[in-house]
N, C-alpha and C. Protein backbone atom coordinates (compact mmCIF):
# COMPACT_ATOMS: atom_id res chain seq x y z
N MET A 1 -28.28 -42.84 -44.13
CA MET A 1 -27.83 -44.21 -44.11
C MET A 1 -27.01 -44.49 -42.86
N ARG A 2 -26.15 -43.54 -42.51
CA ARG A 2 -25.31 -43.77 -41.33
C ARG A 2 -26.15 -43.90 -40.07
N GLY A 3 -27.25 -43.14 -40.00
CA GLY A 3 -28.11 -43.23 -38.84
C GLY A 3 -28.69 -44.62 -38.66
N VAL A 4 -29.05 -45.25 -39.75
CA VAL A 4 -29.59 -46.62 -39.69
C VAL A 4 -28.49 -47.59 -39.30
N LEU A 5 -27.34 -47.48 -39.94
CA LEU A 5 -26.26 -48.43 -39.70
C LEU A 5 -25.64 -48.26 -38.32
N GLU A 6 -25.50 -47.02 -37.88
CA GLU A 6 -24.85 -46.77 -36.60
C GLU A 6 -25.84 -46.57 -35.46
N LYS A 7 -27.12 -46.56 -35.79
CA LYS A 7 -28.17 -46.42 -34.79
C LYS A 7 -28.01 -45.15 -33.94
N GLN A 8 -27.69 -44.03 -34.60
CA GLN A 8 -27.50 -42.77 -33.90
C GLN A 8 -28.42 -41.71 -34.50
N THR A 9 -29.24 -41.10 -33.66
CA THR A 9 -30.17 -40.08 -34.16
C THR A 9 -29.46 -38.81 -34.58
N SER A 10 -28.26 -38.56 -34.09
CA SER A 10 -27.56 -37.34 -34.49
C SER A 10 -27.36 -37.28 -36.00
N HIS A 11 -27.16 -38.42 -36.63
CA HIS A 11 -27.01 -38.46 -38.08
C HIS A 11 -28.32 -38.05 -38.76
N PHE A 12 -29.44 -38.46 -38.18
CA PHE A 12 -30.73 -38.08 -38.75
C PHE A 12 -30.97 -36.58 -38.60
N GLU A 13 -30.57 -36.01 -37.48
CA GLU A 13 -30.71 -34.56 -37.28
C GLU A 13 -29.89 -33.80 -38.32
N THR A 14 -28.67 -34.26 -38.55
CA THR A 14 -27.81 -33.63 -39.56
C THR A 14 -28.44 -33.76 -40.94
N ALA A 15 -28.91 -34.95 -41.26
CA ALA A 15 -29.54 -35.18 -42.56
C ALA A 15 -30.77 -34.30 -42.73
N LYS A 16 -31.55 -34.16 -41.67
CA LYS A 16 -32.75 -33.32 -41.74
C LYS A 16 -32.39 -31.89 -42.15
N GLY A 17 -31.37 -31.35 -41.55
CA GLY A 17 -30.95 -30.00 -41.90
C GLY A 17 -30.52 -29.87 -43.35
N HIS A 18 -29.75 -30.84 -43.82
CA HIS A 18 -29.28 -30.81 -45.21
C HIS A 18 -30.45 -30.96 -46.19
N LEU A 19 -31.36 -31.85 -45.88
CA LEU A 19 -32.51 -32.06 -46.78
C LEU A 19 -33.42 -30.86 -46.80
N GLN A 20 -33.61 -30.21 -45.66
CA GLN A 20 -34.43 -29.00 -45.62
C GLN A 20 -33.77 -27.88 -46.44
N GLN A 21 -32.44 -27.79 -46.36
CA GLN A 21 -31.72 -26.80 -47.18
C GLN A 21 -31.90 -27.09 -48.67
N ALA A 22 -31.82 -28.35 -49.03
CA ALA A 22 -32.00 -28.72 -50.44
C ALA A 22 -33.39 -28.32 -50.92
N LEU A 23 -34.39 -28.50 -50.07
CA LEU A 23 -35.76 -28.15 -50.45
C LEU A 23 -35.97 -26.65 -50.48
N GLU A 24 -35.20 -25.90 -49.71
CA GLU A 24 -35.26 -24.44 -49.81
C GLU A 24 -34.73 -23.98 -51.16
N MET A 25 -33.75 -24.70 -51.68
CA MET A 25 -33.18 -24.37 -52.99
C MET A 25 -34.11 -24.80 -54.12
N SER A 26 -34.77 -25.93 -53.93
CA SER A 26 -35.69 -26.43 -54.95
C SER A 26 -36.78 -27.26 -54.28
N ALA A 27 -37.94 -26.67 -54.11
CA ALA A 27 -39.05 -27.33 -53.43
C ALA A 27 -39.54 -28.56 -54.20
N ASN A 28 -39.20 -28.68 -55.46
CA ASN A 28 -39.64 -29.80 -56.28
C ASN A 28 -38.61 -30.92 -56.37
N PHE A 29 -37.57 -30.86 -55.55
CA PHE A 29 -36.54 -31.90 -55.56
C PHE A 29 -37.07 -33.12 -54.81
N ARG A 30 -37.69 -34.01 -55.55
CA ARG A 30 -38.41 -35.14 -54.97
C ARG A 30 -37.53 -36.07 -54.12
N PRO A 31 -36.32 -36.41 -54.56
CA PRO A 31 -35.51 -37.30 -53.71
C PRO A 31 -35.26 -36.71 -52.32
N ALA A 32 -34.98 -35.43 -52.24
CA ALA A 32 -34.75 -34.81 -50.93
C ALA A 32 -36.01 -34.91 -50.08
N ARG A 33 -37.15 -34.68 -50.68
CA ARG A 33 -38.40 -34.74 -49.92
C ARG A 33 -38.68 -36.18 -49.47
N ALA A 34 -38.41 -37.15 -50.33
CA ALA A 34 -38.65 -38.55 -49.98
C ALA A 34 -37.75 -38.98 -48.81
N TYR A 35 -36.49 -38.57 -48.86
CA TYR A 35 -35.59 -38.94 -47.76
C TYR A 35 -35.92 -38.16 -46.50
N LEU A 36 -36.42 -36.93 -46.65
CA LEU A 36 -36.83 -36.16 -45.48
C LEU A 36 -37.99 -36.86 -44.77
N VAL A 37 -38.89 -37.44 -45.54
CA VAL A 37 -39.98 -38.22 -44.95
C VAL A 37 -39.41 -39.31 -44.05
N ALA A 38 -38.45 -40.05 -44.58
CA ALA A 38 -37.85 -41.15 -43.82
C ALA A 38 -37.12 -40.63 -42.58
N VAL A 39 -36.43 -39.52 -42.71
CA VAL A 39 -35.72 -38.94 -41.57
C VAL A 39 -36.70 -38.53 -40.48
N TYR A 40 -37.78 -37.88 -40.88
CA TYR A 40 -38.79 -37.50 -39.88
C TYR A 40 -39.32 -38.73 -39.14
N VAL A 41 -39.59 -39.80 -39.86
CA VAL A 41 -40.08 -41.02 -39.21
C VAL A 41 -39.04 -41.53 -38.22
N GLU A 42 -37.79 -41.58 -38.64
CA GLU A 42 -36.73 -42.08 -37.76
C GLU A 42 -36.59 -41.22 -36.50
N LEU A 43 -36.90 -39.94 -36.62
CA LEU A 43 -36.81 -39.04 -35.47
C LEU A 43 -38.09 -39.01 -34.64
N GLY A 44 -39.08 -39.80 -35.05
CA GLY A 44 -40.34 -39.84 -34.31
C GLY A 44 -41.25 -38.66 -34.60
N GLN A 45 -41.02 -37.97 -35.69
CA GLN A 45 -41.82 -36.80 -36.07
C GLN A 45 -42.80 -37.21 -37.17
N LEU A 46 -43.76 -38.02 -36.76
CA LEU A 46 -44.68 -38.64 -37.72
C LEU A 46 -45.58 -37.62 -38.43
N THR A 47 -46.03 -36.62 -37.71
CA THR A 47 -46.89 -35.61 -38.34
C THR A 47 -46.15 -34.91 -39.48
N GLU A 48 -44.90 -34.54 -39.23
CA GLU A 48 -44.10 -33.89 -40.27
C GLU A 48 -43.87 -34.83 -41.44
N ALA A 49 -43.61 -36.10 -41.13
CA ALA A 49 -43.41 -37.11 -42.18
C ALA A 49 -44.66 -37.25 -43.04
N GLN A 50 -45.81 -37.29 -42.40
CA GLN A 50 -47.07 -37.43 -43.14
C GLN A 50 -47.34 -36.20 -44.00
N ASP A 51 -47.02 -35.03 -43.48
CA ASP A 51 -47.20 -33.80 -44.26
C ASP A 51 -46.32 -33.81 -45.51
N GLU A 52 -45.07 -34.23 -45.34
CA GLU A 52 -44.16 -34.30 -46.49
C GLU A 52 -44.61 -35.36 -47.49
N MET A 53 -45.12 -36.48 -46.99
CA MET A 53 -45.59 -37.54 -47.88
C MET A 53 -46.78 -37.04 -48.70
N LYS A 54 -47.65 -36.26 -48.09
CA LYS A 54 -48.79 -35.70 -48.83
C LYS A 54 -48.31 -34.80 -49.95
N ILE A 55 -47.27 -34.02 -49.69
CA ILE A 55 -46.71 -33.17 -50.74
C ILE A 55 -46.16 -34.03 -51.87
N LEU A 56 -45.41 -35.07 -51.51
CA LEU A 56 -44.88 -35.98 -52.54
C LEU A 56 -45.99 -36.60 -53.37
N GLN A 57 -47.02 -37.06 -52.70
CA GLN A 57 -48.12 -37.69 -53.42
C GLN A 57 -48.84 -36.68 -54.32
N SER A 58 -48.86 -35.42 -53.93
CA SER A 58 -49.49 -34.41 -54.77
C SER A 58 -48.63 -34.08 -55.99
N MET A 59 -47.38 -34.50 -55.96
CA MET A 59 -46.48 -34.27 -57.09
C MET A 59 -46.57 -35.40 -58.11
N ASP A 60 -47.64 -36.19 -58.02
CA ASP A 60 -47.90 -37.27 -58.98
C ASP A 60 -46.86 -38.38 -58.97
N ARG A 61 -46.27 -38.65 -57.82
CA ARG A 61 -45.34 -39.77 -57.74
C ARG A 61 -46.15 -41.06 -57.70
N ARG A 62 -45.70 -42.03 -58.44
CA ARG A 62 -46.36 -43.32 -58.42
C ARG A 62 -46.14 -44.00 -57.07
N LYS A 63 -47.19 -44.59 -56.55
CA LYS A 63 -47.11 -45.25 -55.25
C LYS A 63 -46.03 -46.31 -55.21
N SER A 64 -45.75 -46.95 -56.33
CA SER A 64 -44.75 -48.01 -56.34
C SER A 64 -43.36 -47.50 -55.95
N LEU A 65 -43.12 -46.22 -56.11
CA LEU A 65 -41.82 -45.67 -55.71
C LEU A 65 -41.57 -45.91 -54.23
N PHE A 66 -42.62 -45.89 -53.44
CA PHE A 66 -42.50 -46.00 -52.00
C PHE A 66 -42.81 -47.40 -51.46
N THR A 67 -43.08 -48.35 -52.33
CA THR A 67 -43.43 -49.70 -51.88
C THR A 67 -42.64 -50.81 -52.56
N ASP A 68 -41.90 -50.50 -53.60
CA ASP A 68 -41.19 -51.51 -54.39
C ASP A 68 -39.69 -51.46 -54.08
N SER A 69 -39.18 -52.51 -53.48
CA SER A 69 -37.77 -52.52 -53.10
C SER A 69 -36.84 -52.39 -54.30
N GLN A 70 -37.28 -52.80 -55.47
CA GLN A 70 -36.45 -52.67 -56.67
C GLN A 70 -36.23 -51.20 -57.07
N ARG A 71 -37.17 -50.33 -56.68
CA ARG A 71 -37.02 -48.91 -57.00
C ARG A 71 -36.07 -48.22 -56.04
N VAL A 72 -35.74 -48.87 -54.93
CA VAL A 72 -34.82 -48.31 -53.94
C VAL A 72 -33.44 -48.94 -54.12
N ALA A 73 -33.25 -49.64 -55.21
CA ALA A 73 -32.06 -50.44 -55.47
C ALA A 73 -30.72 -49.72 -55.34
N PRO A 74 -30.61 -48.41 -55.53
CA PRO A 74 -29.28 -47.80 -55.45
C PRO A 74 -28.55 -48.08 -54.14
N PHE A 75 -29.28 -48.40 -53.09
CA PHE A 75 -28.62 -48.59 -51.81
C PHE A 75 -27.97 -49.96 -51.68
N ARG A 76 -28.47 -50.94 -52.33
CA ARG A 76 -27.90 -52.28 -52.34
C ARG A 76 -27.68 -52.88 -50.95
N MET A 77 -28.10 -52.18 -49.93
CA MET A 77 -28.01 -52.72 -48.57
C MET A 77 -29.43 -52.98 -48.11
N GLN A 78 -29.72 -54.24 -47.90
CA GLN A 78 -31.08 -54.65 -47.59
C GLN A 78 -31.63 -53.92 -46.37
N GLU A 79 -30.82 -53.72 -45.35
CA GLU A 79 -31.30 -53.06 -44.13
C GLU A 79 -31.77 -51.63 -44.42
N ILE A 80 -31.05 -50.93 -45.26
CA ILE A 80 -31.43 -49.56 -45.58
C ILE A 80 -32.67 -49.55 -46.46
N THR A 81 -32.70 -50.42 -47.44
CA THR A 81 -33.89 -50.52 -48.31
C THR A 81 -35.13 -50.80 -47.48
N GLU A 82 -35.05 -51.78 -46.60
CA GLU A 82 -36.20 -52.13 -45.77
C GLU A 82 -36.60 -50.99 -44.84
N ARG A 83 -35.62 -50.29 -44.33
CA ARG A 83 -35.92 -49.18 -43.41
C ARG A 83 -36.58 -48.02 -44.15
N LEU A 84 -36.13 -47.73 -45.36
CA LEU A 84 -36.78 -46.68 -46.15
C LEU A 84 -38.22 -47.05 -46.46
N LEU A 85 -38.43 -48.27 -46.93
CA LEU A 85 -39.78 -48.71 -47.26
C LEU A 85 -40.69 -48.67 -46.03
N TRP A 86 -40.16 -49.08 -44.89
CA TRP A 86 -40.92 -49.04 -43.64
C TRP A 86 -41.27 -47.60 -43.27
N ALA A 87 -40.30 -46.70 -43.37
CA ALA A 87 -40.53 -45.30 -43.01
C ALA A 87 -41.59 -44.69 -43.91
N TRP A 88 -41.49 -44.94 -45.22
CA TRP A 88 -42.47 -44.37 -46.13
C TRP A 88 -43.86 -44.93 -45.86
N GLU A 89 -43.92 -46.20 -45.50
CA GLU A 89 -45.22 -46.80 -45.16
C GLU A 89 -45.80 -46.12 -43.91
N GLN A 90 -44.96 -45.86 -42.92
CA GLN A 90 -45.42 -45.20 -41.71
C GLN A 90 -45.98 -43.81 -41.99
N ALA A 91 -45.42 -43.17 -43.02
CA ALA A 91 -45.85 -41.82 -43.36
C ALA A 91 -47.07 -41.78 -44.28
N GLY A 92 -47.55 -42.95 -44.68
CA GLY A 92 -48.77 -42.98 -45.47
C GLY A 92 -48.61 -43.31 -46.93
N ALA A 93 -47.47 -43.84 -47.31
CA ALA A 93 -47.27 -44.21 -48.72
C ALA A 93 -48.18 -45.35 -49.10
């Protein structure tokens, strides 16, 4: 979130490391994988984002999770919601 609000890629690099660690602990932790997809897109790593999105889609996630702004509601900040939805779309959601 800070990366979007402050427009600094260093926050995305930090987030990437944390999300990758979370997935090392539990490869089935879907929220970490979903946010990692968005982080990869923000860092311009589209191939990695697409690979992660394919894994998410193979985990039987409903497509609406990645296209419905109401499902991203915990953020309550329109800019972040829109950026997440855009990133997931870029990755193939």
